[in-house]
Amino acid sequence: MRHLIATMFLLSIGATSCYYDNEEELYPFAFCDTQNVSWSQDIRPIIQARCATPGCHVTGAQAPDLTTYAGVKQQADAGRIKARVIDRTPSVMPPGGALPGCDLQQVTAWLAAGAPEN
């Protein structure tokens, strides 16, 4: 009987230790606002964190320069952001891998809206 209780106890500990609580990864599309996407609040931080970084798309480094709205807008209007970030052709940008689900959805919504500076 003691072995049965000990086994049950160990199984209950093992089952609860595998709990996965990162909601964004579990439900990548559940917490993403794509209705109110703005350049300043949503897109610019994504560009600054993933694209306009040292050694990448900043002044004097890799072209194009994505440190300003004008530079990003030019690439958006030419279809280059959609091609590289959304469609992943001819190669995936950013080079570290595709954007997380919500970022990708927000960039898609922003581009679909005409890439406004709002």
C-alpha atoms as a PDB file:
ATOM      1  CA  MET A   1       0.000   0.000   0.000  1.00  0.00           C
ATOM      2  CA  ARG A   2       2.858   2.364   0.850  1.00  0.00           C
ATOM      3  CA  HIS A   3       4.394   1.736  -2.574  1.00  0.00           C
ATOM      4  CA  LEU A   4       1.122   2.601  -4.246  1.00  0.00           C
ATOM      5  CA  ILE A   5       0.845   5.868  -2.319  1.00  0.00           C
ATOM      6  CA  ALA A   6       4.479   6.746  -3.010  1.00  0.00           C
ATOM      7  CA  THR A   7       4.020   5.994  -6.718  1.00  0.00           C
ATOM      8  CA  MET A   8       0.865   8.122  -6.886  1.00  0.00           C
ATOM      9  CA  PHE A   9       2.660  10.957  -5.095  1.00  0.00           C
ATOM     10  CA  LEU A  10       5.606  10.860  -7.495  1.00  0.00           C
ATOM     11  CA  LEU A  11       3.307  10.736 -10.511  1.00  0.00           C
ATOM     12  CA  SER A  12       1.363  13.759  -9.272  1.00  0.00           C
ATOM     13  CA  ILE A  13       4.585  15.746  -8.794  1.00  0.00           C
ATOM     14  CA  GLY A  14       5.833  14.751 -12.233  1.00  0.00           C
ATOM     15  CA  ALA A  15       2.560  15.676 -13.921  1.00  0.00           C
ATOM     16  CA  THR A  16       2.441  19.165 -12.401  1.00  0.00           C
ATOM     17  CA  SER A  17       6.077  19.952 -13.121  1.00  0.00           C
ATOM     18  CA  CYS A  18       5.445  19.784 -16.879  1.00  0.00           C
ATOM     19  CA  TYR A  19       2.990  22.677 -16.860  1.00  0.00           C
ATOM     20  CA  TYR A  20       3.573  25.077 -19.753  1.00  0.00           C
ATOM     21  CA  ASP A  21       2.369  28.601 -19.047  1.00  0.00           C
ATOM     22  CA  ASN A  22       3.628  30.849 -21.844  1.00  0.00           C
ATOM     23  CA  GLU A  23       0.238  31.954 -23.183  1.00  0.00           C
ATOM     24  CA  GLU A  24       1.604  33.807 -26.214  1.00  0.00           C
ATOM     25  CA  GLU A  25       3.301  30.653 -27.431  1.00  0.00           C
ATOM     26  CA  LEU A  26       0.362  28.437 -26.523  1.00  0.00           C
ATOM     27  CA  TYR A  27      -2.171  30.737 -28.193  1.00  0.00           C
ATOM     28  CA  PRO A  28      -0.154  32.919 -30.592  1.00  0.00           C
ATOM     29  CA  PHE A  29      -3.178  34.596 -32.159  1.00  0.00           C
ATOM     30  CA  ALA A  30      -5.317  35.084 -29.049  1.00  0.00           C
ATOM     31  CA  PHE A  31      -3.677  38.201 -27.589  1.00  0.00           C
ATOM     32  CA  CYS A  32      -2.741  40.173 -30.665  1.00  0.00           C
ATOM     33  CA  ASP A  33      -4.414  43.486 -31.476  1.00  0.00           C
ATOM     34  CA  THR A  34      -4.381  43.943 -35.244  1.00  0.00           C
ATOM     35  CA  GLN A  35      -7.255  46.434 -35.310  1.00  0.00           C
ATOM     36  CA  ASN A  36      -5.385  49.378 -33.808  1.00  0.00           C
ATOM     37  CA  VAL A  37      -1.884  48.914 -35.194  1.00  0.00           C
ATOM     38  CA  SER A  38       0.138  52.106 -35.297  1.00  0.00           C
ATOM     39  CA  TRP A  39       3.586  53.021 -36.533  1.00  0.00           C
ATOM     40  CA  SER A  40       4.737  54.585 -33.268  1.00  0.00           C
ATOM     41  CA  GLN A  41       3.287  52.075 -30.792  1.00  0.00           C
ATOM     42  CA  ASP A  42       3.637  48.781 -32.666  1.00  0.00           C
ATOM     43  CA  ILE A  43       5.667  48.788 -35.878  1.00  0.00           C
ATOM     44  CA  ARG A  44       8.526  51.130 -34.987  1.00  0.00           C
ATOM     45  CA  PRO A  45       9.455  49.087 -31.874  1.00  0.00           C
ATOM     46  CA  ILE A  46       9.489  45.898 -33.981  1.00  0.00           C
ATOM     47  CA  ILE A  47      11.721  47.548 -36.609  1.00  0.00           C
ATOM     48  CA  GLN A  48      14.048  48.972 -33.950  1.00  0.00           C
ATOM     49  CA  ALA A  49      14.367  45.661 -32.120  1.00  0.00           C
ATOM     50  CA  ARG A  50      14.682  43.323 -35.104  1.00  0.00           C
ATOM     51  CA  CYS A  51      15.793  45.331 -38.170  1.00  0.00           C
ATOM     52  CA  ALA A  52      17.419  48.682 -37.400  1.00  0.00           C
ATOM     53  CA  THR A  53      20.057  47.156 -35.144  1.00  0.00           C
ATOM     54  CA  PRO A  54      23.827  47.650 -35.134  1.00  0.00           C
ATOM     55  CA  GLY A  55      25.334  46.024 -38.204  1.00  0.00           C
ATOM     56  CA  CYS A  56      21.996  45.703 -39.969  1.00  0.00           C
ATOM     57  CA  HIS A  57      19.675  48.338 -41.409  1.00  0.00           C
ATOM     58  CA  VAL A  58      21.067  51.471 -39.782  1.00  0.00           C
ATOM     59  CA  THR A  59      22.789  54.498 -41.259  1.00  0.00           C
ATOM     60  CA  GLY A  60      26.130  53.485 -42.732  1.00  0.00           C
ATOM     61  CA  ALA A  61      25.567  49.734 -42.419  1.00  0.00           C
ATOM     62  CA  GLN A  62      23.417  47.487 -44.620  1.00  0.00           C
ATOM     63  CA  ALA A  63      21.069  49.094 -47.120  1.00  0.00           C
ATOM     64  CA  PRO A  64      18.289  50.020 -46.827  1.00  0.00           C
ATOM     65  CA  ASP A  65      18.424  52.307 -43.823  1.00  0.00           C
ATOM     66  CA  LEU A  66      15.389  51.504 -41.663  1.00  0.00           C
ATOM     67  CA  THR A  67      16.041  53.977 -38.859  1.00  0.00           C
ATOM     68  CA  THR A  68      13.370  56.432 -40.055  1.00  0.00           C
ATOM     69  CA  TYR A  69       9.721  56.183 -41.007  1.00  0.00           C
ATOM     70  CA  ALA A  70      10.606  57.476 -44.508  1.00  0.00           C
ATOM     71  CA  GLY A  71      13.089  54.654 -45.022  1.00  0.00           C
ATOM     72  CA  VAL A  72      10.638  52.000 -43.823  1.00  0.00           C
ATOM     73  CA  LYS A  73       7.760  53.500 -45.823  1.00  0.00           C
ATOM     74  CA  GLN A  74       9.843  53.437 -49.000  1.00  0.00           C
ATOM     75  CA  GLN A  75      10.542  49.730 -48.510  1.00  0.00           C
ATOM     76  CA  ALA A  76       6.906  49.035 -47.619  1.00  0.00           C
ATOM     77  CA  ASP A  77       5.618  50.824 -50.727  1.00  0.00           C
ATOM     78  CA  ALA A  78       8.065  48.907 -52.911  1.00  0.00           C
ATOM     79  CA  GLY A  79       6.764  45.614 -51.474  1.00  0.00           C
ATOM     80  CA  ARG A  80      10.123  44.675 -49.988  1.00  0.00           C
ATOM     81  CA  ILE A  81       8.955  44.391 -46.382  1.00  0.00           C
ATOM     82  CA  LYS A  82       6.095  42.116 -47.381  1.00  0.00           C
ATOM     83  CA  ALA A  83       8.394  40.019 -49.567  1.00  0.00           C
ATOM     84  CA  ARG A  84      11.113  39.550 -46.958  1.00  0.00           C
ATOM     85  CA  VAL A  85       9.189  39.555 -43.677  1.00  0.00           C
ATOM     86  CA  ILE A  86       5.800  38.086 -44.613  1.00  0.00           C
ATOM     87  CA  ASP A  87       6.434  36.008 -47.763  1.00  0.00           C
ATOM     88  CA  ARG A  88      10.056  35.223 -46.795  1.00  0.00           C
ATOM     89  CA  THR A  89      11.375  35.573 -50.342  1.00  0.00           C
ATOM     90  CA  PRO A  90      14.087  35.579 -51.512  1.00  0.00           C
ATOM     91  CA  SER A  91      15.266  35.088 -47.926  1.00  0.00           C
ATOM     92  CA  VAL A  92      13.828  35.481 -44.446  1.00  0.00           C
ATOM     93  CA  MET A  93      14.234  38.798 -42.688  1.00  0.00           C
ATOM     94  CA  PRO A  94      15.252  39.307 -40.019  1.00  0.00           C
ATOM     95  CA  PRO A  95      18.127  36.865 -40.486  1.00  0.00           C
ATOM     96  CA  GLY A  96      17.684  35.481 -36.959  1.00  0.00           C
ATOM     97  CA  GLY A  97      14.388  33.929 -38.037  1.00  0.00           C
ATOM     98  CA  ALA A  98      10.800  34.866 -38.668  1.00  0.00           C
ATOM     99  CA  LEU A  99       9.035  37.353 -36.433  1.00  0.00           C
ATOM    100  CA  PRO A 100       6.857  36.002 -33.619  1.00  0.00           C
ATOM    101  CA  GLY A 101       3.208  35.436 -34.536  1.00  0.00           C
ATOM    102  CA  CYS A 102       1.748  38.668 -33.161  1.00  0.00           C
ATOM    103  CA  ASP A 103       4.516  40.852 -34.612  1.00  0.00           C
ATOM    104  CA  LEU A 104       3.983  39.204 -37.980  1.00  0.00           C
ATOM    105  CA  GLN A 105       0.235  39.811 -37.792  1.00  0.00           C
ATOM    106  CA  GLN A 106       0.727  43.444 -36.827  1.00  0.00           C
ATOM    107  CA  VAL A 107       3.187  44.092 -39.653  1.00  0.00           C
ATOM    108  CA  THR A 108       0.760  42.436 -42.081  1.00  0.00           C
ATOM    109  CA  ALA A 109      -2.134  44.602 -40.840  1.00  0.00           C
ATOM    110  CA  TRP A 110      -0.020  47.760 -40.989  1.00  0.00           C
ATOM    111  CA  LEU A 111       1.089  47.036 -44.546  1.00  0.00           C
ATOM    112  CA  ALA A 112      -2.498  46.240 -45.584  1.00  0.00           C
ATOM    113  CA  ALA A 113      -3.546  49.643 -44.216  1.00  0.00           C
ATOM    114  CA  GLY A 114      -0.988  51.353 -46.462  1.00  0.00           C
ATOM    115  CA  ALA A 115       1.833  51.591 -43.897  1.00  0.00           C
ATOM    116  CA  PRO A 116       0.521  54.818 -42.306  1.00  0.00           C
ATOM    117  CA  GLU A 117       2.568  57.006 -39.991  1.00  0.00           C
ATOM    118  CA  ASN A 118       0.035  57.038 -37.175  1.00  0.00           C
END
